[in-house]
Amino acid sequence: MAINDRVKLIMEQEELSSGEFADRTGIQQSTLSHFINGRNKASLDVIMKIHQAFSDVNIEWLLYGQGSMRTQKTHGNGISVNNNGYQVGLKNNDIDVAEQVSGISLDSLGAIAPILAKQAQVGSTSEPIKPPRKITEIRVFFDDNTYETFVAK
């Protein structure tokens, strides 16, 4: 299933028209239309707006189609429960305090963590570290087919 099909599935489950979906996410209707119809690919900004508007949608599912569509359900008491019914996460006031102290929202961390993990896996090739190079010699060629060599001291 392509990413535009996954966004269509969110729209269907939320029972939203494309206009309502665009309003709720803050995406321009033309951008959403081009993306859903396959004319354009979604930018990271579009994906992040969708995830922010629908924070219970699993970002890995949205990006790659991996895992389940929904991550957690939050009950009225502020306790999050995963798909198995086990309690996870913190109460709302604990989250608010953590966000105020760190200055980083947990939603933004949860959204970007899988992306950073994938980038770390891709960029983890172990290349040997080379020492810095130094210029040892410079040669200047002239139009009369002669040259001069300058050697670093």
Foldseek 3Di string as FASTA:
>chain_A
DDLLVLVVVVCVVVVHDLVRLCVLLVHDSVVNVCCNVVNDPDDPSSLLSNCVSVVQAQLCCNHPVDDDGGAWDADPQQWTAGPVRDTDDDRPVVQVVVCVVVVDHPSVCSNCVVVVVVVCVVPVDDDDDDDDDDDAKDWDADPVGDIDMDGDD
